[in-house]
Protein backbone atom coordinates (compact mmCIF):
# COMPACT_ATOMS: atom_id res chain seq x y z
CA MET A 1 5.60 -16.28 -30.97
CA GLU A 2 7.54 -18.13 -28.34
CA THR A 3 6.25 -18.38 -24.77
CA TYR A 4 8.66 -18.74 -21.90
CA ARG A 5 7.60 -20.36 -18.71
CA ILE A 6 9.49 -19.28 -15.63
CA PRO A 7 9.62 -21.98 -12.98
CA PRO A 8 7.99 -20.95 -9.72
CA GLY A 9 10.33 -19.72 -7.05
CA ARG A 10 10.01 -19.69 -3.34
CA ILE A 11 8.33 -17.00 -1.26
CA GLU A 12 9.13 -16.72 2.41
CA VAL A 13 7.29 -14.46 4.81
CA SER A 14 8.93 -13.93 8.18
CA PRO A 15 6.96 -14.65 11.35
CA GLN A 16 7.37 -10.97 12.29
CA VAL A 17 5.39 -9.96 9.20
CA VAL A 18 2.64 -12.45 10.02
CA ALA A 19 2.60 -11.12 13.60
CA ALA A 20 2.32 -7.53 12.35
CA ILE A 21 -0.67 -8.42 10.16
CA ALA A 22 -2.35 -10.27 13.04
CA GLU A 23 -1.61 -7.47 15.50
CA GLU A 24 -3.13 -4.83 13.26
CA ALA A 25 -6.26 -6.96 12.82
CA VAL A 26 -6.58 -7.58 16.58
CA LEU A 27 -6.33 -3.91 17.44
CA GLN A 28 -9.17 -3.10 15.02
CA CYS A 29 -11.59 -5.37 16.89
CA TYR A 30 -14.32 -4.01 19.14
CA GLY A 31 -13.67 -4.62 22.83
CA ILE A 32 -9.90 -5.02 22.52
CA VAL A 33 -7.86 -2.61 24.62
CA GLY A 34 -4.48 -3.92 23.52
CA LEU A 35 -2.10 -6.81 23.41
CA ALA A 36 -0.45 -8.20 26.52
CA SER A 37 2.89 -9.75 27.11
CA ARG A 38 2.50 -13.41 27.92
CA HIS A 39 3.51 -14.26 31.44
CA ARG A 40 2.79 -17.64 32.93
CA SER A 41 2.87 -16.35 36.50
CA GLY A 42 -0.54 -14.70 36.18
CA VAL A 43 0.92 -11.19 36.02
CA TRP A 44 0.40 -9.32 32.78
CA THR A 45 1.50 -5.98 31.48
CA GLN A 46 -0.13 -4.05 28.69
CA LEU A 47 2.28 -3.47 25.87
CA PRO A 48 2.95 0.14 24.91
CA GLU A 49 1.45 1.62 21.74
CA VAL A 50 4.69 0.93 19.86
CA ARG A 51 4.13 -2.23 17.87
CA GLY A 52 6.32 -5.05 19.13
CA HIS A 53 4.33 -8.22 18.38
CA SER A 54 5.01 -9.63 21.86
CA GLY A 55 1.33 -10.40 22.24
CA VAL A 56 1.33 -12.53 19.08
CA VAL A 57 3.02 -15.92 18.71
CA VAL A 58 3.28 -17.34 15.19
CA ARG A 59 3.91 -21.03 14.45
CA MET A 60 3.90 -22.97 11.21
CA GLU A 61 2.50 -26.48 11.02
CA GLY A 62 2.83 -27.93 7.55
CA GLU A 63 1.26 -25.43 5.19
CA GLN A 64 -0.84 -23.74 7.89
CA VAL A 65 -0.25 -20.79 10.17
CA LEU A 66 -1.10 -21.17 13.87
CA LEU A 67 -1.52 -18.02 15.93
CA ASP A 68 -1.62 -17.45 19.69
CA LEU A 69 -2.89 -14.01 20.69
CA TYR A 70 -2.60 -12.52 24.17
CA VAL A 71 -5.13 -9.73 24.61
CA ILE A 72 -6.63 -7.32 27.11
CA ILE A 73 -10.38 -6.83 26.78
CA GLU A 74 -12.52 -3.88 27.84
CA TYR A 75 -14.52 -4.52 31.02
CA GLY A 76 -18.23 -4.95 30.35
CA THR A 77 -17.91 -6.53 26.94
CA ARG A 78 -18.86 -10.16 26.32
CA ILE A 79 -15.53 -11.93 26.44
CA CYS A 80 -16.62 -14.88 24.30
CA GLU A 81 -18.08 -12.60 21.61
CA VAL A 82 -15.00 -10.40 21.51
CA ALA A 83 -12.76 -13.48 21.31
CA ARG A 84 -14.82 -14.99 18.46
CA ASN A 85 -14.68 -11.70 16.59
CA VAL A 86 -10.89 -11.57 17.06
CA MET A 87 -10.54 -15.14 15.77
CA SER A 88 -12.59 -14.43 12.67
CA THR A 89 -11.02 -11.04 11.92
CA VAL A 90 -7.43 -12.22 12.34
CA LYS A 91 -7.99 -15.40 10.33
CA PHE A 92 -9.48 -13.39 7.46
CA ALA A 93 -6.75 -10.72 7.52
CA VAL A 94 -3.85 -13.19 7.55
CA GLU A 95 -5.36 -15.45 4.88
CA GLN A 96 -6.10 -12.46 2.64
CA ALA A 97 -2.58 -11.06 3.01
CA LEU A 98 -0.66 -14.32 2.69
CA GLY A 99 -2.87 -16.58 0.65
CA ILE A 100 -2.21 -19.54 2.93
CA PRO A 101 -4.67 -21.10 5.38
CA VAL A 102 -4.74 -20.24 9.05
CA GLY A 103 -5.24 -23.46 11.00
CA GLN A 104 -5.86 -21.95 14.44
CA VAL A 105 -6.28 -18.60 16.10
CA ASN A 106 -6.08 -19.05 19.87
CA VAL A 107 -7.18 -16.05 21.91
CA ASN A 108 -5.77 -15.87 25.44
CA VAL A 109 -7.44 -13.18 27.55
CA GLN A 110 -4.69 -11.95 29.86
CA GLY A 111 -6.73 -9.25 31.56
CA ILE A 112 -9.59 -6.81 31.47
CA HIS A 113 -9.39 -3.04 31.49
CA LEU A 114 -11.77 -0.83 33.42
CA SER A 115 -11.72 2.48 31.59
CA ASN A 116 -14.05 4.46 33.89
CA PRO A 117 -13.97 3.01 37.42
CA GLN A 118 -16.78 3.86 39.84
CA PRO A 119 -15.65 5.14 43.28
CA SER A 120 -17.01 2.34 45.47
CA GLY A 121 -16.71 -0.50 42.98
CA THR A 122 -20.41 -0.59 42.13
CA PRO A 123 -22.58 1.03 39.50
CA GLY A 124 -23.59 4.50 40.58
CA GLY A 125 -20.82 4.66 43.17
CA ARG A 126 -22.86 3.13 46.01
CA PRO A 127 -21.32 0.31 48.03
CA TRP A 128 -22.98 -3.02 47.35
CA ASN A 129 -24.46 -5.12 50.13
CA GLU A 130 -27.51 -7.32 50.65
CA GLU A 131 -29.63 -4.39 51.86
CA SER A 132 -28.91 -2.34 48.72
CA ARG A 133 -30.56 -5.02 46.55
CA THR A 134 -34.06 -3.86 47.51
């Protein structure tokens, strides 16, 4: 019996596909409201529900993928814990799907979202002042 060995070819995955995998993983994380467009002026806008990958930037460095994520986090959650969870979840999802290492996942918190605002800006709706601390 004769065995034929086919030389390996080349597989290319577009950055849009990597961004789609990362975006799906981000949106599954607790505390994430959505992705944000990246503006350097300090103004951010939440991207609509239609997937556009504008909140994900994909770069290749050698044989590694580098990801920059721009997110909006729910008010009241621990930002550092949510960001760490996003880093871990996205790294795992991209490495599982592509089979290549993710070198960095940078999480940029562009804003927070207050889903149920209180009338006077304080818990319970009462205005806060020094006298209300007692």
